[in-house]
Amino acid sequence: MKILIYYLMIHFIYINIASAENDIDVIYNCKALPRIIESAKKRLEMAKTVEPIEEPSDNYLKPFETDGCSISPDSSLTSKKSYLPCCIQHDYNYWLGGSESDRLNADQTFYACMKTVASTLTAYSYYRAVRISGGPRTGLPFKWGYGWSKNRLWKEINSSHVSFIEELTEQYLTNTEPLCPS
């Protein structure tokens, strides 16, 4: 247990120099696009089946923004494999928010993705970090449902949100895609 805590401390204190370089950010945002599109399709298909609930008029979904892997390194210290495609897909799901099972599914998908680019220990440390600090009541900028102007806690995304979410997702993809190298 002490080794895991020590590893986590070193892992989260490390500042990833590569993520500060704009060219690298653009390349990995581009690699994340297919994952974002896949997440969007799945989440919107599910939302179409959920009955609309009345949303307060002053609660709205802000445009999608991502900070990559938040306070964690965006890539491996040794292999330089980027974690950004996994983190950006995860951010997309956290931006939308939804039910407790939606969050668990987002975190498990993130863990599976991380295991493809990182060691099992690193993947698990990222997974535990989001499970511990990503709940809707944490007050952190990357909490579950961070895209909403007001905290929705565990409210599902529903059919009344679909067209607006599609519009914001398309806006993000349109603004990101032209930056992608051909």
C-alpha atoms as a PDB file:
ATOM      1  CA  MET A   1       0.000   0.000   0.000  1.00  0.00           C
ATOM      2  CA  LYS A   2       2.840   2.406   0.851  1.00  0.00           C
ATOM      3  CA  ILE A   3       4.412   1.730  -2.547  1.00  0.00           C
ATOM      4  CA  LEU A   4       1.142   2.566  -4.335  1.00  0.00           C
ATOM      5  CA  ILE A   5       0.757   5.814  -2.360  1.00  0.00           C
ATOM      6  CA  TYR A   6       4.395   6.741  -3.052  1.00  0.00           C
ATOM      7  CA  TYR A   7       3.933   5.955  -6.746  1.00  0.00           C
ATOM      8  CA  LEU A   8       0.756   8.070  -6.889  1.00  0.00           C
ATOM      9  CA  MET A   9       2.480  10.999  -5.190  1.00  0.00           C
ATOM     10  CA  ILE A  10       5.376  10.962  -7.655  1.00  0.00           C
ATOM     11  CA  HIS A  11       3.021  10.396 -10.563  1.00  0.00           C
ATOM     12  CA  PHE A  12       0.767  13.340  -9.762  1.00  0.00           C
ATOM     13  CA  ILE A  13       3.559  15.763  -8.787  1.00  0.00           C
ATOM     14  CA  TYR A  14       5.378  15.242 -12.100  1.00  0.00           C
ATOM     15  CA  ILE A  15       4.752  18.094 -14.558  1.00  0.00           C
ATOM     16  CA  ASN A  16       4.515  16.879 -18.106  1.00  0.00           C
ATOM     17  CA  ILE A  17       6.684  19.132 -20.266  1.00  0.00           C
ATOM     18  CA  ALA A  18       5.455  17.615 -23.527  1.00  0.00           C
ATOM     19  CA  SER A  19       1.830  18.599 -22.888  1.00  0.00           C
ATOM     20  CA  ALA A  20       2.838  22.251 -22.726  1.00  0.00           C
ATOM     21  CA  GLU A  21       3.959  22.110 -26.336  1.00  0.00           C
ATOM     22  CA  ASN A  22       1.040  23.142 -28.557  1.00  0.00           C
ATOM     23  CA  ASP A  23       2.024  20.887 -31.490  1.00  0.00           C
ATOM     24  CA  ILE A  24       1.873  17.789 -29.313  1.00  0.00           C
ATOM     25  CA  ASP A  25      -1.488  18.864 -27.849  1.00  0.00           C
ATOM     26  CA  VAL A  26      -2.941  19.278 -31.343  1.00  0.00           C
ATOM     27  CA  ILE A  27      -1.691  15.874 -32.509  1.00  0.00           C
ATOM     28  CA  TYR A  28      -3.194  14.070 -29.518  1.00  0.00           C
ATOM     29  CA  ASN A  29      -6.438  16.037 -29.648  1.00  0.00           C
ATOM     30  CA  CYS A  30      -6.654  14.783 -33.239  1.00  0.00           C
ATOM     31  CA  LYS A  31      -6.039  11.191 -32.148  1.00  0.00           C
ATOM     32  CA  ALA A  32      -8.823  11.601 -29.595  1.00  0.00           C
ATOM     33  CA  LEU A  33     -11.411  12.718 -32.178  1.00  0.00           C
ATOM     34  CA  PRO A  34     -12.578   9.200 -33.133  1.00  0.00           C
ATOM     35  CA  ARG A  35     -12.966   8.344 -29.431  1.00  0.00           C
ATOM     36  CA  ILE A  36     -15.008  11.502 -28.820  1.00  0.00           C
ATOM     37  CA  ILE A  37     -17.242  10.753 -31.799  1.00  0.00           C
ATOM     38  CA  GLU A  38     -17.731   7.165 -30.563  1.00  0.00           C
ATOM     39  CA  SER A  39     -18.560   8.374 -27.027  1.00  0.00           C
ATOM     40  CA  ALA A  40     -20.952  10.989 -28.369  1.00  0.00           C
ATOM     41  CA  LYS A  41     -22.844   8.484 -30.501  1.00  0.00           C
ATOM     42  CA  LYS A  42     -23.224   6.005 -27.628  1.00  0.00           C
ATOM     43  CA  ARG A  43     -24.279   8.602 -25.074  1.00  0.00           C
ATOM     44  CA  LEU A  44     -26.753  10.313 -27.436  1.00  0.00           C
ATOM     45  CA  GLU A  45     -28.340   7.027 -28.485  1.00  0.00           C
ATOM     46  CA  MET A  46     -28.902   6.210 -24.814  1.00  0.00           C
ATOM     47  CA  ALA A  47     -30.223   9.728 -24.121  1.00  0.00           C
ATOM     48  CA  LYS A  48     -32.849   9.434 -26.863  1.00  0.00           C
ATOM     49  CA  THR A  49     -34.551   6.680 -24.844  1.00  0.00           C
ATOM     50  CA  VAL A  50     -34.736   8.692 -21.595  1.00  0.00           C
ATOM     51  CA  GLU A  51     -37.883  10.709 -20.982  1.00  0.00           C
ATOM     52  CA  PRO A  52     -37.254  14.465 -20.811  1.00  0.00           C
ATOM     53  CA  ILE A  53     -37.227  16.099 -17.406  1.00  0.00           C
ATOM     54  CA  GLU A  54     -37.665  19.781 -16.839  1.00  0.00           C
ATOM     55  CA  GLU A  55     -34.340  21.538 -16.522  1.00  0.00           C
ATOM     56  CA  PRO A  56     -34.106  24.914 -14.768  1.00  0.00           C
ATOM     57  CA  SER A  57     -33.820  27.589 -17.465  1.00  0.00           C
ATOM     58  CA  ASP A  58     -30.608  28.929 -15.929  1.00  0.00           C
ATOM     59  CA  ASN A  59     -28.876  25.536 -16.152  1.00  0.00           C
ATOM     60  CA  TYR A  60     -27.250  25.021 -19.527  1.00  0.00           C
ATOM     61  CA  LEU A  61     -24.476  22.982 -21.066  1.00  0.00           C
ATOM     62  CA  LYS A  62     -21.362  25.026 -21.833  1.00  0.00           C
ATOM     63  CA  PRO A  63     -19.160  24.279 -24.876  1.00  0.00           C
ATOM     64  CA  PHE A  64     -16.889  21.260 -24.430  1.00  0.00           C
ATOM     65  CA  GLU A  65     -13.458  21.997 -23.007  1.00  0.00           C
ATOM     66  CA  THR A  66     -10.739  19.573 -21.997  1.00  0.00           C
ATOM     67  CA  ASP A  67      -7.598  19.946 -19.912  1.00  0.00           C
ATOM     68  CA  GLY A  68      -6.188  16.626 -21.071  1.00  0.00           C
ATOM     69  CA  CYS A  69      -5.289  14.489 -18.075  1.00  0.00           C
ATOM     70  CA  SER A  70      -6.000  17.302 -15.580  1.00  0.00           C
ATOM     71  CA  ILE A  71      -3.363  17.334 -12.840  1.00  0.00           C
ATOM     72  CA  SER A  72      -1.785  14.048 -13.988  1.00  0.00           C
ATOM     73  CA  PRO A  73       0.921  13.589 -16.616  1.00  0.00           C
ATOM     74  CA  ASP A  74      -0.361  13.446 -20.193  1.00  0.00           C
ATOM     75  CA  SER A  75       2.178  10.810 -21.197  1.00  0.00           C
ATOM     76  CA  SER A  76       4.459   8.116 -19.858  1.00  0.00           C
ATOM     77  CA  LEU A  77       7.724   9.189 -18.265  1.00  0.00           C
ATOM     78  CA  THR A  78       9.580   6.347 -19.970  1.00  0.00           C
ATOM     79  CA  SER A  79       7.863   5.392 -23.228  1.00  0.00           C
ATOM     80  CA  LYS A  80       6.407   8.829 -24.062  1.00  0.00           C
ATOM     81  CA  LYS A  81       3.122   7.162 -25.056  1.00  0.00           C
ATOM     82  CA  SER A  82       0.393   9.732 -24.802  1.00  0.00           C
ATOM     83  CA  TYR A  83      -2.559   9.211 -22.499  1.00  0.00           C
ATOM     84  CA  LEU A  84      -4.405  12.172 -24.027  1.00  0.00           C
ATOM     85  CA  PRO A  85      -6.771  10.225 -26.307  1.00  0.00           C
ATOM     86  CA  CYS A  86      -8.003   8.296 -23.241  1.00  0.00           C
ATOM     87  CA  CYS A  87      -8.182  11.421 -21.071  1.00  0.00           C
ATOM     88  CA  ILE A  88     -10.014  13.520 -23.662  1.00  0.00           C
ATOM     89  CA  GLN A  89     -12.599  10.782 -24.243  1.00  0.00           C
ATOM     90  CA  HIS A  90     -13.027  10.597 -20.459  1.00  0.00           C
ATOM     91  CA  ASP A  91     -13.345  14.398 -20.223  1.00  0.00           C
ATOM     92  CA  TYR A  92     -16.092  14.301 -22.848  1.00  0.00           C
ATOM     93  CA  ASN A  93     -18.111  11.867 -20.724  1.00  0.00           C
ATOM     94  CA  TYR A  94     -17.475  13.914 -17.565  1.00  0.00           C
ATOM     95  CA  TRP A  95     -18.482  17.111 -19.382  1.00  0.00           C
ATOM     96  CA  LEU A  96     -21.881  15.546 -20.145  1.00  0.00           C
ATOM     97  CA  GLY A  97     -22.412  14.015 -16.710  1.00  0.00           C
ATOM     98  CA  GLY A  98     -25.384  11.729 -16.188  1.00  0.00           C
ATOM     99  CA  SER A  99     -26.312   8.914 -13.839  1.00  0.00           C
ATOM    100  CA  GLU A 100     -24.068   7.056 -11.401  1.00  0.00           C
ATOM    101  CA  SER A 101     -23.939   4.095 -13.795  1.00  0.00           C
ATOM    102  CA  ASP A 102     -22.943   6.458 -16.647  1.00  0.00           C
ATOM    103  CA  ARG A 103     -20.025   7.651 -14.525  1.00  0.00           C
ATOM    104  CA  LEU A 104     -18.937   4.119 -13.617  1.00  0.00           C
ATOM    105  CA  ASN A 105     -19.115   3.151 -17.296  1.00  0.00           C
ATOM    106  CA  ALA A 106     -17.050   6.259 -18.277  1.00  0.00           C
ATOM    107  CA  ASP A 107     -14.421   5.417 -15.653  1.00  0.00           C
ATOM    108  CA  GLN A 108     -14.242   1.739 -16.633  1.00  0.00           C
ATOM    109  CA  THR A 109     -13.901   2.709 -20.317  1.00  0.00           C
ATOM    110  CA  PHE A 110     -11.123   5.108 -19.305  1.00  0.00           C
ATOM    111  CA  TYR A 111      -9.354   2.341 -17.348  1.00  0.00           C
ATOM    112  CA  ALA A 112      -9.575  -0.056 -20.313  1.00  0.00           C
ATOM    113  CA  CYS A 113      -8.193   2.620 -22.633  1.00  0.00           C
ATOM    114  CA  MET A 114      -5.353   3.472 -20.237  1.00  0.00           C
ATOM    115  CA  LYS A 115      -4.336  -0.201 -20.043  1.00  0.00           C
ATOM    116  CA  THR A 116      -3.660  -0.065 -23.805  1.00  0.00           C
ATOM    117  CA  VAL A 117      -1.118   2.782 -23.441  1.00  0.00           C
ATOM    118  CA  ALA A 118       0.220   2.426 -19.893  1.00  0.00           C
ATOM    119  CA  SER A 119       1.219  -0.163 -17.321  1.00  0.00           C
ATOM    120  CA  THR A 120      -1.553  -1.757 -15.293  1.00  0.00           C
ATOM    121  CA  LEU A 121      -0.320   0.129 -12.210  1.00  0.00           C
ATOM    122  CA  THR A 122      -0.442   3.492 -14.000  1.00  0.00           C
ATOM    123  CA  ALA A 123      -3.854   2.725 -15.505  1.00  0.00           C
ATOM    124  CA  TYR A 124      -5.167   1.707 -12.095  1.00  0.00           C
ATOM    125  CA  SER A 125      -3.748   4.815 -10.395  1.00  0.00           C
ATOM    126  CA  TYR A 126      -5.506   7.056 -12.956  1.00  0.00           C
ATOM    127  CA  TYR A 127      -8.715   5.044 -12.535  1.00  0.00           C
ATOM    128  CA  ARG A 128      -8.624   5.313  -8.736  1.00  0.00           C
ATOM    129  CA  ALA A 129      -7.887   9.042  -8.981  1.00  0.00           C
ATOM    130  CA  VAL A 130     -10.996   9.698 -11.082  1.00  0.00           C
ATOM    131  CA  ARG A 131     -13.132   7.427  -8.908  1.00  0.00           C
ATOM    132  CA  ILE A 132     -12.028   9.272  -5.765  1.00  0.00           C
ATOM    133  CA  SER A 133     -11.952  12.871  -6.995  1.00  0.00           C
ATOM    134  CA  GLY A 134     -14.405  12.995  -9.913  1.00  0.00           C
ATOM    135  CA  GLY A 135     -17.772  12.876  -8.156  1.00  0.00           C
ATOM    136  CA  PRO A 136     -20.312  15.637  -8.786  1.00  0.00           C
ATOM    137  CA  ARG A 137     -20.005  17.091  -5.279  1.00  0.00           C
ATOM    138  CA  THR A 138     -16.212  17.507  -5.185  1.00  0.00           C
ATOM    139  CA  GLY A 139     -16.249  21.125  -6.337  1.00  0.00           C
ATOM    140  CA  LEU A 140     -13.254  20.385  -8.565  1.00  0.00           C
ATOM    141  CA  PRO A 141     -13.204  21.796 -12.106  1.00  0.00           C
ATOM    142  CA  PHE A 142     -13.115  18.265 -13.571  1.00  0.00           C
ATOM    143  CA  LYS A 143     -16.013  16.854 -11.527  1.00  0.00           C
ATOM    144  CA  TRP A 144     -18.758  14.705 -13.046  1.00  0.00           C
ATOM    145  CA  GLY A 145     -21.029  16.935 -15.137  1.00  0.00           C
ATOM    146  CA  TYR A 146     -18.573  19.858 -15.246  1.00  0.00           C
ATOM    147  CA  GLY A 147     -20.043  21.105 -18.534  1.00  0.00           C
ATOM    148  CA  TRP A 148     -23.273  22.232 -16.904  1.00  0.00           C
ATOM    149  CA  SER A 149     -23.596  25.730 -15.475  1.00  0.00           C
ATOM    150  CA  LYS A 150     -25.178  24.268 -12.313  1.00  0.00           C
ATOM    151  CA  ASN A 151     -24.570  20.943 -10.607  1.00  0.00           C
ATOM    152  CA  ARG A 152     -27.013  18.312 -11.884  1.00  0.00           C
ATOM    153  CA  LEU A 153     -25.654  15.576  -9.587  1.00  0.00           C
ATOM    154  CA  TRP A 154     -26.839  12.234 -11.022  1.00  0.00           C
ATOM    155  CA  LYS A 155     -29.494  13.372 -13.510  1.00  0.00           C
ATOM    156  CA  GLU A 156     -29.418  11.393 -16.739  1.00  0.00           C
ATOM    157  CA  ILE A 157     -28.836  13.030 -20.080  1.00  0.00           C
ATOM    158  CA  ASN A 158     -32.232  12.798 -21.770  1.00  0.00           C
ATOM    159  CA  SER A 159     -33.958  13.236 -25.111  1.00  0.00           C
ATOM    160  CA  SER A 160     -34.433  16.976 -24.600  1.00  0.00           C
ATOM    161  CA  HIS A 161     -30.639  17.440 -24.485  1.00  0.00           C
ATOM    162  CA  VAL A 162     -29.718  15.499 -27.632  1.00  0.00           C
ATOM    163  CA  SER A 163     -29.872  18.247 -30.273  1.00  0.00           C
ATOM    164  CA  PHE A 164     -27.983  20.738 -28.112  1.00  0.00           C
ATOM    165  CA  ILE A 165     -25.286  18.179 -27.230  1.00  0.00           C
ATOM    166  CA  GLU A 166     -24.951  17.268 -30.915  1.00  0.00           C
ATOM    167  CA  GLU A 167     -24.525  20.957 -31.745  1.00  0.00           C
ATOM    168  CA  LEU A 168     -21.840  21.521 -29.071  1.00  0.00           C
ATOM    169  CA  THR A 169     -20.013  18.318 -30.027  1.00  0.00           C
ATOM    170  CA  GLU A 170     -20.041  19.305 -33.705  1.00  0.00           C
ATOM    171  CA  GLN A 171     -18.766  22.769 -32.723  1.00  0.00           C
ATOM    172  CA  TYR A 172     -15.825  21.219 -30.826  1.00  0.00           C
ATOM    173  CA  LEU A 173     -15.015  18.788 -33.645  1.00  0.00           C
ATOM    174  CA  THR A 174     -15.242  21.541 -36.280  1.00  0.00           C
ATOM    175  CA  ASN A 175     -12.890  23.770 -34.305  1.00  0.00           C
ATOM    176  CA  THR A 176     -10.394  20.950 -33.654  1.00  0.00           C
ATOM    177  CA  GLU A 177     -10.352  19.073 -36.965  1.00  0.00           C
ATOM    178  CA  PRO A 178      -8.836  21.859 -39.144  1.00  0.00           C
ATOM    179  CA  LEU A 179      -5.801  21.856 -36.839  1.00  0.00           C
ATOM    180  CA  CYS A 180      -5.194  18.155 -37.462  1.00  0.00           C
ATOM    181  CA  PRO A 181      -2.291  17.258 -39.725  1.00  0.00           C
ATOM    182  CA  SER A 182      -3.404  15.392 -42.845  1.00  0.00           C
END
